[in-house]
Amino acid sequence: MIPRYDADGVDDLLYSTFNGELIVMSRNDSTIHRYDPESLAHLGSFSVGSGSGQGVATDGELLYASLWTGGSVTIKVFNGAYSLVDSFSKPSGMSENNLIDMAYEKHTGTWFGIVTTGEGGTGTSSNTVIEFTMGGAVTDSHSLPWRVNSIGVAGCD
C-alpha cells in the first residue's frame, strides 16, 4: 500500500513512472519509494539526500529528482539500477532558486519546470514555467494566469 503523508490535509507525495515501476517521492524526507504498478507492492526505497523532495521525473532513460537543500535546488540523476550517476544545480539563467516540479517532453527533448523562490512547504506553487536543458540553461520562460504546484506531460506516441 502506498503511504500518505497528509497531516496538513495536502498530499505530500510526488509521482512518476520509471523502469515499469511507480515511483513515489516524499516531500518530507526526500525518500524515493518504488512500487509495482499492478499490485502496489513495495519494491524498495532509497534516500535522495537530506532536504525536501521537490519533483521527480524521467526522460525514459534516467530518473531525475529535485531536492531543496535550504538555499537552492539540486537535481540528482539515477540510472536504471537506482544508482546516483550525476547531480546538477539549477539551470543557468533561472532567476528563481527552486524547481518545485519538472517534466520531460520526449518528442521535442524539452524539459519543463515550475519554479519559485524559496520553499514554502506542501502548498508551494508558482505561475512561472521554464523550458530548460537538463544540466544546462533556461531556454524559455512562461507566465501562467494561475498558480500550479505540479506539472506533467500527456499525449499520444
C-alpha atoms as a PDB file:
ATOM      1  CA  MET A   1       0.000   0.000   0.000  1.00  0.00           C
ATOM      2  CA  ILE A   2       1.289   3.466  -0.873  1.00  0.00           C
ATOM      3  CA  PRO A   3       1.648   5.577   2.287  1.00  0.00           C
ATOM      4  CA  ARG A   4       0.087   9.016   2.542  1.00  0.00           C
ATOM      5  CA  TYR A   5       1.832  11.914   4.182  1.00  0.00           C
ATOM      6  CA  ASP A   6      -1.037  14.339   4.524  1.00  0.00           C
ATOM      7  CA  ALA A   7      -1.047  15.560   8.124  1.00  0.00           C
ATOM      8  CA  ASP A   8      -1.957  19.012   6.843  1.00  0.00           C
ATOM      9  CA  GLY A   9      -4.673  17.704   4.504  1.00  0.00           C
ATOM     10  CA  VAL A  10      -2.491  18.034   1.402  1.00  0.00           C
ATOM     11  CA  ASP A  11      -0.789  15.134  -0.340  1.00  0.00           C
ATOM     12  CA  ASP A  12       2.972  15.326   0.269  1.00  0.00           C
ATOM     13  CA  LEU A  13       3.922  12.747  -2.360  1.00  0.00           C
ATOM     14  CA  LEU A  14       5.422  13.245  -5.819  1.00  0.00           C
ATOM     15  CA  TYR A  15       4.783  10.645  -8.529  1.00  0.00           C
ATOM     16  CA  SER A  16       6.366   9.336 -11.735  1.00  0.00           C
ATOM     17  CA  THR A  17       6.893   6.033 -13.521  1.00  0.00           C
ATOM     18  CA  PHE A  18      10.315   4.572 -14.307  1.00  0.00           C
ATOM     19  CA  ASN A  19      11.585   1.089 -15.216  1.00  0.00           C
ATOM     20  CA  GLY A  20       7.976  -0.127 -15.303  1.00  0.00           C
ATOM     21  CA  GLU A  21       7.556   0.875 -11.650  1.00  0.00           C
ATOM     22  CA  LEU A  22       5.519   3.512  -9.882  1.00  0.00           C
ATOM     23  CA  ILE A  23       7.942   5.987  -8.290  1.00  0.00           C
ATOM     24  CA  VAL A  24       6.795   7.957  -5.259  1.00  0.00           C
ATOM     25  CA  MET A  25       8.989  10.568  -3.574  1.00  0.00           C
ATOM     26  CA  SER A  26       8.154  12.018  -0.182  1.00  0.00           C
ATOM     27  CA  ARG A  27       8.464  15.793   0.115  1.00  0.00           C
ATOM     28  CA  ASN A  28       9.056  15.338   3.844  1.00  0.00           C
ATOM     29  CA  ASP A  29      12.284  13.343   3.770  1.00  0.00           C
ATOM     30  CA  SER A  30      13.101  13.002   0.034  1.00  0.00           C
ATOM     31  CA  THR A  31      12.906   9.217   0.145  1.00  0.00           C
ATOM     32  CA  ILE A  32      12.023   7.568  -3.167  1.00  0.00           C
ATOM     33  CA  HIS A  33       9.780   4.520  -2.852  1.00  0.00           C
ATOM     34  CA  ARG A  34       9.353   2.007  -5.683  1.00  0.00           C
ATOM     35  CA  TYR A  35       6.061   0.147  -6.190  1.00  0.00           C
ATOM     36  CA  ASP A  36       4.711  -2.485  -8.541  1.00  0.00           C
ATOM     37  CA  PRO A  37       2.065  -0.617 -10.575  1.00  0.00           C
ATOM     38  CA  GLU A  38      -0.334  -3.587 -10.594  1.00  0.00           C
ATOM     39  CA  SER A  39      -0.244  -4.920  -7.041  1.00  0.00           C
ATOM     40  CA  LEU A  40       1.164  -1.750  -5.390  1.00  0.00           C
ATOM     41  CA  ALA A  41       3.648  -3.986  -3.567  1.00  0.00           C
ATOM     42  CA  HIS A  42       6.548  -2.000  -2.138  1.00  0.00           C
ATOM     43  CA  LEU A  43       9.718  -2.962  -4.058  1.00  0.00           C
ATOM     44  CA  GLY A  44      12.231  -0.864  -2.139  1.00  0.00           C
ATOM     45  CA  SER A  45      13.262   2.657  -1.288  1.00  0.00           C
ATOM     46  CA  PHE A  46      16.297   4.914  -1.146  1.00  0.00           C
ATOM     47  CA  SER A  47      17.132   8.395   0.094  1.00  0.00           C
ATOM     48  CA  VAL A  48      17.813  11.144  -2.408  1.00  0.00           C
ATOM     49  CA  GLY A  49      19.691  13.094   0.282  1.00  0.00           C
ATOM     50  CA  SER A  50      18.992  15.497   3.097  1.00  0.00           C
ATOM     51  CA  GLY A  51      16.443  18.142   2.241  1.00  0.00           C
ATOM     52  CA  SER A  52      12.898  18.375   0.947  1.00  0.00           C
ATOM     53  CA  GLY A  53      11.827  16.425  -2.135  1.00  0.00           C
ATOM     54  CA  GLN A  54      10.524  18.774  -4.819  1.00  0.00           C
ATOM     55  CA  GLY A  55       9.892  16.888  -8.052  1.00  0.00           C
ATOM     56  CA  VAL A  56      10.572  13.566  -9.739  1.00  0.00           C
ATOM     57  CA  ALA A  57      10.545  12.837 -13.478  1.00  0.00           C
ATOM     58  CA  THR A  58      12.144  10.707 -16.164  1.00  0.00           C
ATOM     59  CA  ASP A  59      13.319  11.086 -19.734  1.00  0.00           C
ATOM     60  CA  GLY A  60      12.749   7.361 -20.235  1.00  0.00           C
ATOM     61  CA  GLU A  61      16.427   6.566 -19.683  1.00  0.00           C
ATOM     62  CA  LEU A  62      17.225   8.146 -16.319  1.00  0.00           C
ATOM     63  CA  LEU A  63      15.322   9.221 -13.203  1.00  0.00           C
ATOM     64  CA  TYR A  64      15.649  12.832 -12.046  1.00  0.00           C
ATOM     65  CA  ALA A  65      14.778  14.109  -8.565  1.00  0.00           C
ATOM     66  CA  SER A  66      14.877  17.747  -7.479  1.00  0.00           C
ATOM     67  CA  LEU A  67      15.786  18.405  -3.870  1.00  0.00           C
ATOM     68  CA  TRP A  68      15.550  21.631  -1.861  1.00  0.00           C
ATOM     69  CA  THR A  69      18.702  21.883   0.220  1.00  0.00           C
ATOM     70  CA  GLY A  70      18.000  25.093   2.119  1.00  0.00           C
ATOM     71  CA  GLY A  71      19.337  27.728  -0.261  1.00  0.00           C
ATOM     72  CA  SER A  72      18.781  26.321  -3.718  1.00  0.00           C
ATOM     73  CA  VAL A  73      17.649  23.266  -5.617  1.00  0.00           C
ATOM     74  CA  THR A  74      19.828  20.305  -6.571  1.00  0.00           C
ATOM     75  CA  ILE A  75      18.814  17.817  -9.258  1.00  0.00           C
ATOM     76  CA  LYS A  76      20.046  14.274  -8.697  1.00  0.00           C
ATOM     77  CA  VAL A  77      20.161  11.771 -11.556  1.00  0.00           C
ATOM     78  CA  PHE A  78      19.777   7.989 -11.152  1.00  0.00           C
ATOM     79  CA  ASN A  79      20.237   5.140 -13.621  1.00  0.00           C
ATOM     80  CA  GLY A  80      18.030   2.061 -14.069  1.00  0.00           C
ATOM     81  CA  ALA A  81      19.709   0.380 -11.071  1.00  0.00           C
ATOM     82  CA  TYR A  82      18.817   3.467  -8.974  1.00  0.00           C
ATOM     83  CA  SER A  83      22.478   4.400  -8.562  1.00  0.00           C
ATOM     84  CA  LEU A  84      23.375   8.096  -8.495  1.00  0.00           C
ATOM     85  CA  VAL A  85      25.097   8.954 -11.786  1.00  0.00           C
ATOM     86  CA  ASP A  86      25.055  12.764 -11.796  1.00  0.00           C
ATOM     87  CA  SER A  87      23.963  15.875  -9.954  1.00  0.00           C
ATOM     88  CA  PHE A  88      23.145  19.371 -11.222  1.00  0.00           C
ATOM     89  CA  SER A  89      22.472  22.739  -9.682  1.00  0.00           C
ATOM     90  CA  LYS A  90      19.628  24.871 -11.025  1.00  0.00           C
ATOM     91  CA  PRO A  91      19.695  25.656 -14.753  1.00  0.00           C
ATOM     92  CA  SER A  92      21.755  28.735 -15.612  1.00  0.00           C
ATOM     93  CA  GLY A  93      19.591  31.747 -16.356  1.00  0.00           C
ATOM     94  CA  MET A  94      16.981  30.654 -13.784  1.00  0.00           C
ATOM     95  CA  SER A  95      16.450  33.691 -11.551  1.00  0.00           C
ATOM     96  CA  GLU A  96      14.423  31.702  -9.006  1.00  0.00           C
ATOM     97  CA  ASN A  97      16.210  29.224  -6.731  1.00  0.00           C
ATOM     98  CA  ASN A  98      13.726  26.330  -6.551  1.00  0.00           C
ATOM     99  CA  LEU A  99      12.439  23.865  -9.141  1.00  0.00           C
ATOM    100  CA  ILE A 100       9.293  22.505  -7.476  1.00  0.00           C
ATOM    101  CA  ASP A 101       8.375  20.037 -10.226  1.00  0.00           C
ATOM    102  CA  MET A 102       9.532  19.069 -13.692  1.00  0.00           C
ATOM    103  CA  ALA A 103       8.502  17.030 -16.725  1.00  0.00           C
ATOM    104  CA  TYR A 104      10.176  15.873 -19.925  1.00  0.00           C
ATOM    105  CA  GLU A 105       8.521  16.039 -23.336  1.00  0.00           C
ATOM    106  CA  LYS A 106      10.177  13.266 -25.349  1.00  0.00           C
ATOM    107  CA  HIS A 107       9.127  14.388 -28.845  1.00  0.00           C
ATOM    108  CA  THR A 108      10.918  17.728 -28.540  1.00  0.00           C
ATOM    109  CA  GLY A 109      13.512  16.707 -25.936  1.00  0.00           C
ATOM    110  CA  THR A 110      12.401  19.634 -23.789  1.00  0.00           C
ATOM    111  CA  TRP A 111      12.350  19.791 -20.009  1.00  0.00           C
ATOM    112  CA  PHE A 112       9.676  21.949 -18.367  1.00  0.00           C
ATOM    113  CA  GLY A 113       9.794  23.071 -14.757  1.00  0.00           C
ATOM    114  CA  ILE A 114       7.737  25.023 -12.261  1.00  0.00           C
ATOM    115  CA  VAL A 115       9.997  27.482 -10.495  1.00  0.00           C
ATOM    116  CA  THR A 116       9.749  29.654  -7.404  1.00  0.00           C
ATOM    117  CA  THR A 117      11.953  31.438  -4.932  1.00  0.00           C
ATOM    118  CA  GLY A 118      12.255  29.574  -1.657  1.00  0.00           C
ATOM    119  CA  GLU A 119      10.437  26.550  -0.324  1.00  0.00           C
ATOM    120  CA  GLY A 120       7.098  27.219   1.306  1.00  0.00           C
ATOM    121  CA  GLY A 121       6.204  23.643   2.219  1.00  0.00           C
ATOM    122  CA  THR A 122       3.477  21.492   0.730  1.00  0.00           C
ATOM    123  CA  GLY A 123       1.446  24.415  -0.577  1.00  0.00           C
ATOM    124  CA  THR A 124       4.326  25.896  -2.597  1.00  0.00           C
ATOM    125  CA  SER A 125       3.095  26.974  -6.017  1.00  0.00           C
ATOM    126  CA  SER A 126       4.047  29.309  -8.851  1.00  0.00           C
ATOM    127  CA  ASN A 127       2.740  30.760 -12.078  1.00  0.00           C
ATOM    128  CA  THR A 128       6.169  30.557 -13.776  1.00  0.00           C
ATOM    129  CA  VAL A 129       7.091  27.621 -16.018  1.00  0.00           C
ATOM    130  CA  ILE A 130      10.509  27.386 -17.627  1.00  0.00           C
ATOM    131  CA  GLU A 131      11.808  25.339 -20.527  1.00  0.00           C
ATOM    132  CA  PHE A 132      15.381  24.157 -19.936  1.00  0.00           C
ATOM    133  CA  THR A 133      18.077  21.705 -20.851  1.00  0.00           C
ATOM    134  CA  MET A 134      18.997  19.304 -18.066  1.00  0.00           C
ATOM    135  CA  GLY A 135      22.384  20.299 -16.684  1.00  0.00           C
ATOM    136  CA  GLY A 136      22.280  23.367 -18.926  1.00  0.00           C
ATOM    137  CA  ALA A 137      20.333  26.577 -19.227  1.00  0.00           C
ATOM    138  CA  VAL A 138      16.833  28.036 -19.341  1.00  0.00           C
ATOM    139  CA  THR A 139      15.704  28.304 -22.965  1.00  0.00           C
ATOM    140  CA  ASP A 140      12.322  29.999 -22.402  1.00  0.00           C
ATOM    141  CA  SER A 141      10.022  31.176 -19.624  1.00  0.00           C
ATOM    142  CA  HIS A 142       6.221  31.334 -19.495  1.00  0.00           C
ATOM    143  CA  SER A 143       3.838  33.111 -17.108  1.00  0.00           C
ATOM    144  CA  LEU A 144       0.594  31.270 -16.424  1.00  0.00           C
ATOM    145  CA  PRO A 145      -2.633  33.076 -15.496  1.00  0.00           C
ATOM    146  CA  TRP A 146      -2.942  30.804 -12.433  1.00  0.00           C
ATOM    147  CA  ARG A 147      -0.638  29.187  -9.876  1.00  0.00           C
ATOM    148  CA  VAL A 148       0.304  25.492 -10.111  1.00  0.00           C
ATOM    149  CA  ASN A 149       2.306  23.086  -7.934  1.00  0.00           C
ATOM    150  CA  SER A 150       2.824  20.165 -10.321  1.00  0.00           C
ATOM    151  CA  ILE A 151       3.453  19.521 -13.976  1.00  0.00           C
ATOM    152  CA  GLY A 152       3.110  16.515 -16.249  1.00  0.00           C
ATOM    153  CA  VAL A 153       3.243  15.553 -19.870  1.00  0.00           C
ATOM    154  CA  ALA A 154       0.409  13.663 -21.517  1.00  0.00           C
ATOM    155  CA  GLY A 155      -0.039  12.744 -25.124  1.00  0.00           C
ATOM    156  CA  CYS A 156      -0.011  10.090 -27.768  1.00  0.00           C
ATOM    157  CA  ASP A 157       3.056   8.429 -29.230  1.00  0.00           C
END
